[in-house]
Amino acid sequence: MRKLAFCLSTLFLSSALAVAGEKGMMHCFAYTPIKDATQADWDAFYKATDAMPGKISEVKKVWYGKLRAPLNQYGTTDAEARKKAIAGEKGVSGELTFTRREHGVCMLMGGPEDLKTYVANPYHKVWLAAYEKVRVAGTTTYDIIGQ
């Protein structure tokens, strides 16, 4: 009986560890919501996003919601000032831009190759139409590739 309990607990723990490090890719983006988007606009966005894994085979799972803390981004339209700042120069001046991202979406995919197929899928245009009604144009996009 002890051996059986040991075997079962080992099997249970090893199966939990097997999914600990996903090997796919998380395609994520943060965005600024449109302040006057209606509840109907948000409901349509949620419904379209929830449907994505069933409509686009490359998307395995989706997460979306308000960011725990806003993502504040600063930039400049002055190319010379940007170059100097990136190079680490001190006292660089120029006109600043500010963007505050408050919401985000992440999609689990198989890998980077799935991104092209996802964008080309006809449902992506349907989803994009709903997404564009709740966000200010522009996103901060990043991909996390599982190790």
C-alpha atoms as a PDB file:
ATOM      1  CA  MET A   1       0.000   0.000   0.000  1.00  0.00           C
ATOM      2  CA  ARG A   2       2.875   2.361   0.814  1.00  0.00           C
ATOM      3  CA  LYS A   3       4.459   1.716  -2.563  1.00  0.00           C
ATOM      4  CA  LEU A   4       1.205   2.484  -4.344  1.00  0.00           C
ATOM      5  CA  ALA A   5       0.777   5.759  -2.430  1.00  0.00           C
ATOM      6  CA  PHE A   6       4.394   6.700  -3.177  1.00  0.00           C
ATOM      7  CA  CYS A   7       3.984   5.902  -6.888  1.00  0.00           C
ATOM      8  CA  LEU A   8       0.750   7.883  -7.143  1.00  0.00           C
ATOM      9  CA  SER A   9       2.185  10.921  -5.357  1.00  0.00           C
ATOM     10  CA  THR A  10       5.320  10.799  -7.543  1.00  0.00           C
ATOM     11  CA  LEU A  11       3.174  10.575 -10.674  1.00  0.00           C
ATOM     12  CA  PHE A  12       1.030  13.497  -9.505  1.00  0.00           C
ATOM     13  CA  LEU A  13       4.019  15.725  -8.698  1.00  0.00           C
ATOM     14  CA  SER A  14       5.866  14.914 -11.912  1.00  0.00           C
ATOM     15  CA  SER A  15       2.782  15.673 -14.025  1.00  0.00           C
ATOM     16  CA  ALA A  16       2.450  19.070 -12.317  1.00  0.00           C
ATOM     17  CA  LEU A  17       6.093  19.850 -13.047  1.00  0.00           C
ATOM     18  CA  ALA A  18       5.688  18.844 -16.690  1.00  0.00           C
ATOM     19  CA  VAL A  19       3.481  21.878 -17.367  1.00  0.00           C
ATOM     20  CA  ALA A  20       5.470  24.299 -15.207  1.00  0.00           C
ATOM     21  CA  GLY A  21       7.488  25.771 -18.092  1.00  0.00           C
ATOM     22  CA  GLU A  22       5.406  26.289 -21.219  1.00  0.00           C
ATOM     23  CA  LYS A  23       7.314  25.824 -24.453  1.00  0.00           C
ATOM     24  CA  GLY A  24       5.075  28.019 -26.574  1.00  0.00           C
ATOM     25  CA  MET A  25       4.995  31.774 -26.975  1.00  0.00           C
ATOM     26  CA  MET A  26       2.949  34.439 -25.199  1.00  0.00           C
ATOM     27  CA  HIS A  27       1.990  37.232 -27.587  1.00  0.00           C
ATOM     28  CA  CYS A  28       1.127  40.165 -25.319  1.00  0.00           C
ATOM     29  CA  PHE A  29       0.220  43.788 -25.768  1.00  0.00           C
ATOM     30  CA  ALA A  30      -0.723  46.650 -23.493  1.00  0.00           C
ATOM     31  CA  TYR A  31      -3.062  49.388 -24.686  1.00  0.00           C
ATOM     32  CA  THR A  32      -4.729  52.626 -23.701  1.00  0.00           C
ATOM     33  CA  PRO A  33      -8.518  52.319 -23.431  1.00  0.00           C
ATOM     34  CA  ILE A  34     -10.866  54.775 -25.120  1.00  0.00           C
ATOM     35  CA  LYS A  35     -12.433  56.721 -22.253  1.00  0.00           C
ATOM     36  CA  ASP A  36     -15.878  56.943 -23.858  1.00  0.00           C
ATOM     37  CA  ALA A  37     -16.108  53.333 -25.084  1.00  0.00           C
ATOM     38  CA  THR A  38     -19.565  52.001 -24.253  1.00  0.00           C
ATOM     39  CA  GLN A  39     -20.321  48.878 -22.230  1.00  0.00           C
ATOM     40  CA  ALA A  40     -21.615  47.341 -25.475  1.00  0.00           C
ATOM     41  CA  ASP A  41     -18.212  48.019 -27.095  1.00  0.00           C
ATOM     42  CA  TRP A  42     -16.428  46.318 -24.184  1.00  0.00           C
ATOM     43  CA  ASP A  43     -18.841  43.368 -24.209  1.00  0.00           C
ATOM     44  CA  ALA A  44     -18.253  42.880 -27.956  1.00  0.00           C
ATOM     45  CA  PHE A  45     -14.472  43.003 -27.388  1.00  0.00           C
ATOM     46  CA  TYR A  46     -14.669  40.449 -24.544  1.00  0.00           C
ATOM     47  CA  LYS A  47     -16.888  38.143 -26.610  1.00  0.00           C
ATOM     48  CA  ALA A  48     -14.610  38.386 -29.680  1.00  0.00           C
ATOM     49  CA  THR A  49     -11.501  37.782 -27.558  1.00  0.00           C
ATOM     50  CA  ASP A  50     -13.066  34.824 -25.718  1.00  0.00           C
ATOM     51  CA  ALA A  51     -13.962  33.269 -29.092  1.00  0.00           C
ATOM     52  CA  MET A  52     -10.447  33.598 -30.503  1.00  0.00           C
ATOM     53  CA  PRO A  53      -9.073  30.157 -29.429  1.00  0.00           C
ATOM     54  CA  GLY A  54     -12.034  28.477 -31.134  1.00  0.00           C
ATOM     55  CA  LYS A  55     -11.693  30.550 -34.314  1.00  0.00           C
ATOM     56  CA  ILE A  56      -7.895  30.723 -34.724  1.00  0.00           C
ATOM     57  CA  SER A  57      -6.189  27.376 -34.131  1.00  0.00           C
ATOM     58  CA  GLU A  58      -2.809  28.993 -33.397  1.00  0.00           C
ATOM     59  CA  VAL A  59      -4.264  30.747 -30.339  1.00  0.00           C
ATOM     60  CA  LYS A  60      -4.427  28.214 -27.512  1.00  0.00           C
ATOM     61  CA  LYS A  61      -5.583  30.495 -24.692  1.00  0.00           C
ATOM     62  CA  VAL A  62      -6.260  34.201 -24.064  1.00  0.00           C
ATOM     63  CA  TRP A  63      -6.035  36.474 -21.036  1.00  0.00           C
ATOM     64  CA  TYR A  64      -7.183  40.074 -20.901  1.00  0.00           C
ATOM     65  CA  GLY A  65      -7.944  42.752 -18.374  1.00  0.00           C
ATOM     66  CA  LYS A  66      -6.814  45.858 -16.602  1.00  0.00           C
ATOM     67  CA  LEU A  67      -3.109  46.005 -15.753  1.00  0.00           C
ATOM     68  CA  ARG A  68      -2.318  45.804 -12.035  1.00  0.00           C
ATOM     69  CA  ALA A  69      -0.214  48.957 -12.451  1.00  0.00           C
ATOM     70  CA  PRO A  70      -0.321  51.213 -15.519  1.00  0.00           C
ATOM     71  CA  LEU A  71       2.599  51.000 -17.912  1.00  0.00           C
ATOM     72  CA  ASN A  72       3.896  54.542 -18.392  1.00  0.00           C
ATOM     73  CA  GLN A  73       6.086  55.156 -21.430  1.00  0.00           C
ATOM     74  CA  TYR A  74       8.095  58.229 -22.284  1.00  0.00           C
ATOM     75  CA  GLY A  75       9.632  59.022 -25.641  1.00  0.00           C
ATOM     76  CA  THR A  76      10.676  61.856 -27.849  1.00  0.00           C
ATOM     77  CA  THR A  77       9.969  62.894 -31.399  1.00  0.00           C
ATOM     78  CA  ASP A  78      13.488  64.399 -31.583  1.00  0.00           C
ATOM     79  CA  ALA A  79      15.615  61.737 -33.332  1.00  0.00           C
ATOM     80  CA  GLU A  80      18.910  63.351 -32.301  1.00  0.00           C
ATOM     81  CA  ALA A  81      17.889  63.563 -28.626  1.00  0.00           C
ATOM     82  CA  ARG A  82      16.741  59.920 -28.756  1.00  0.00           C
ATOM     83  CA  LYS A  83      20.132  58.835 -30.147  1.00  0.00           C
ATOM     84  CA  LYS A  84      21.983  60.710 -27.409  1.00  0.00           C
ATOM     85  CA  ALA A  85      19.752  59.342 -24.637  1.00  0.00           C
ATOM     86  CA  ILE A  86      20.162  55.740 -25.860  1.00  0.00           C
ATOM     87  CA  ALA A  87      23.930  56.270 -25.981  1.00  0.00           C
ATOM     88  CA  GLY A  88      23.784  57.238 -22.282  1.00  0.00           C
ATOM     89  CA  GLU A  89      24.594  60.919 -22.605  1.00  0.00           C
ATOM     90  CA  LYS A  90      23.612  63.074 -19.626  1.00  0.00           C
ATOM     91  CA  GLY A  91      21.557  66.270 -19.808  1.00  0.00           C
ATOM     92  CA  VAL A  92      19.818  65.435 -23.087  1.00  0.00           C
ATOM     93  CA  SER A  93      16.854  67.694 -23.770  1.00  0.00           C
ATOM     94  CA  GLY A  94      14.030  67.522 -26.250  1.00  0.00           C
ATOM     95  CA  GLU A  95      10.258  67.399 -26.511  1.00  0.00           C
ATOM     96  CA  LEU A  96       8.831  64.431 -24.579  1.00  0.00           C
ATOM     97  CA  THR A  97       5.827  62.264 -25.378  1.00  0.00           C
ATOM     98  CA  PHE A  98       3.917  60.264 -22.765  1.00  0.00           C
ATOM     99  CA  THR A  99       1.748  57.181 -23.164  1.00  0.00           C
ATOM    100  CA  ARG A 100      -0.129  55.399 -20.371  1.00  0.00           C
ATOM    101  CA  ARG A 101      -1.139  51.783 -21.036  1.00  0.00           C
ATOM    102  CA  GLU A 102      -3.859  50.570 -18.656  1.00  0.00           C
ATOM    103  CA  HIS A 103      -5.159  47.303 -20.159  1.00  0.00           C
ATOM    104  CA  GLY A 104      -3.570  44.244 -21.713  1.00  0.00           C
ATOM    105  CA  VAL A 105      -4.128  41.039 -23.670  1.00  0.00           C
ATOM    106  CA  CYS A 106      -1.946  37.922 -23.830  1.00  0.00           C
ATOM    107  CA  MET A 107      -2.398  34.984 -26.181  1.00  0.00           C
ATOM    108  CA  LEU A 108      -0.700  31.621 -25.813  1.00  0.00           C
ATOM    109  CA  MET A 109       0.566  30.309 -29.161  1.00  0.00           C
ATOM    110  CA  GLY A 110       2.779  27.423 -30.228  1.00  0.00           C
ATOM    111  CA  GLY A 111       5.697  29.649 -31.242  1.00  0.00           C
ATOM    112  CA  PRO A 112       6.817  32.667 -33.284  1.00  0.00           C
ATOM    113  CA  GLU A 113       5.815  30.989 -36.550  1.00  0.00           C
ATOM    114  CA  ASP A 114       2.159  31.035 -35.430  1.00  0.00           C
ATOM    115  CA  LEU A 115       2.065  34.839 -35.397  1.00  0.00           C
ATOM    116  CA  LYS A 116       1.934  35.157 -39.206  1.00  0.00           C
ATOM    117  CA  THR A 117      -0.872  32.602 -39.510  1.00  0.00           C
ATOM    118  CA  TYR A 118      -2.794  34.283 -36.669  1.00  0.00           C
ATOM    119  CA  VAL A 119      -2.645  37.693 -38.396  1.00  0.00           C
ATOM    120  CA  ALA A 120      -3.667  36.185 -41.775  1.00  0.00           C
ATOM    121  CA  ASN A 121      -6.693  34.365 -40.318  1.00  0.00           C
ATOM    122  CA  PRO A 122      -9.998  36.017 -41.403  1.00  0.00           C
ATOM    123  CA  TYR A 123     -11.251  36.042 -37.792  1.00  0.00           C
ATOM    124  CA  HIS A 124      -8.368  38.338 -36.845  1.00  0.00           C
ATOM    125  CA  LYS A 125     -10.093  41.136 -38.823  1.00  0.00           C
ATOM    126  CA  VAL A 126     -13.371  40.475 -36.987  1.00  0.00           C
ATOM    127  CA  TRP A 127     -11.575  40.611 -33.630  1.00  0.00           C
ATOM    128  CA  LEU A 128      -9.620  43.726 -34.662  1.00  0.00           C
ATOM    129  CA  ALA A 129     -12.873  45.577 -35.442  1.00  0.00           C
ATOM    130  CA  ALA A 130     -14.081  44.959 -31.865  1.00  0.00           C
ATOM    131  CA  TYR A 131     -10.652  45.768 -30.364  1.00  0.00           C
ATOM    132  CA  GLU A 132     -10.397  49.102 -32.187  1.00  0.00           C
ATOM    133  CA  LYS A 133     -13.626  50.298 -30.527  1.00  0.00           C
ATOM    134  CA  VAL A 134     -12.121  50.053 -27.024  1.00  0.00           C
ATOM    135  CA  ARG A 135      -8.513  51.190 -27.502  1.00  0.00           C
ATOM    136  CA  VAL A 136      -6.644  54.289 -28.555  1.00  0.00           C
ATOM    137  CA  ALA A 137      -4.607  53.519 -31.696  1.00  0.00           C
ATOM    138  CA  GLY A 138      -1.213  52.039 -30.880  1.00  0.00           C
ATOM    139  CA  THR A 139      -0.084  49.310 -28.507  1.00  0.00           C
ATOM    140  CA  THR A 140       3.005  48.203 -26.667  1.00  0.00           C
ATOM    141  CA  THR A 141       3.589  44.675 -27.955  1.00  0.00           C
ATOM    142  CA  TYR A 142       6.026  42.012 -26.788  1.00  0.00           C
ATOM    143  CA  ASP A 143       6.418  38.253 -27.178  1.00  0.00           C
ATOM    144  CA  ILE A 144       7.698  35.876 -24.513  1.00  0.00           C
ATOM    145  CA  ILE A 145       9.205  32.686 -25.936  1.00  0.00           C
ATOM    146  CA  GLY A 146       9.120  29.730 -23.539  1.00  0.00           C
ATOM    147  CA  GLN A 147      12.403  28.046 -22.723  1.00  0.00           C
END
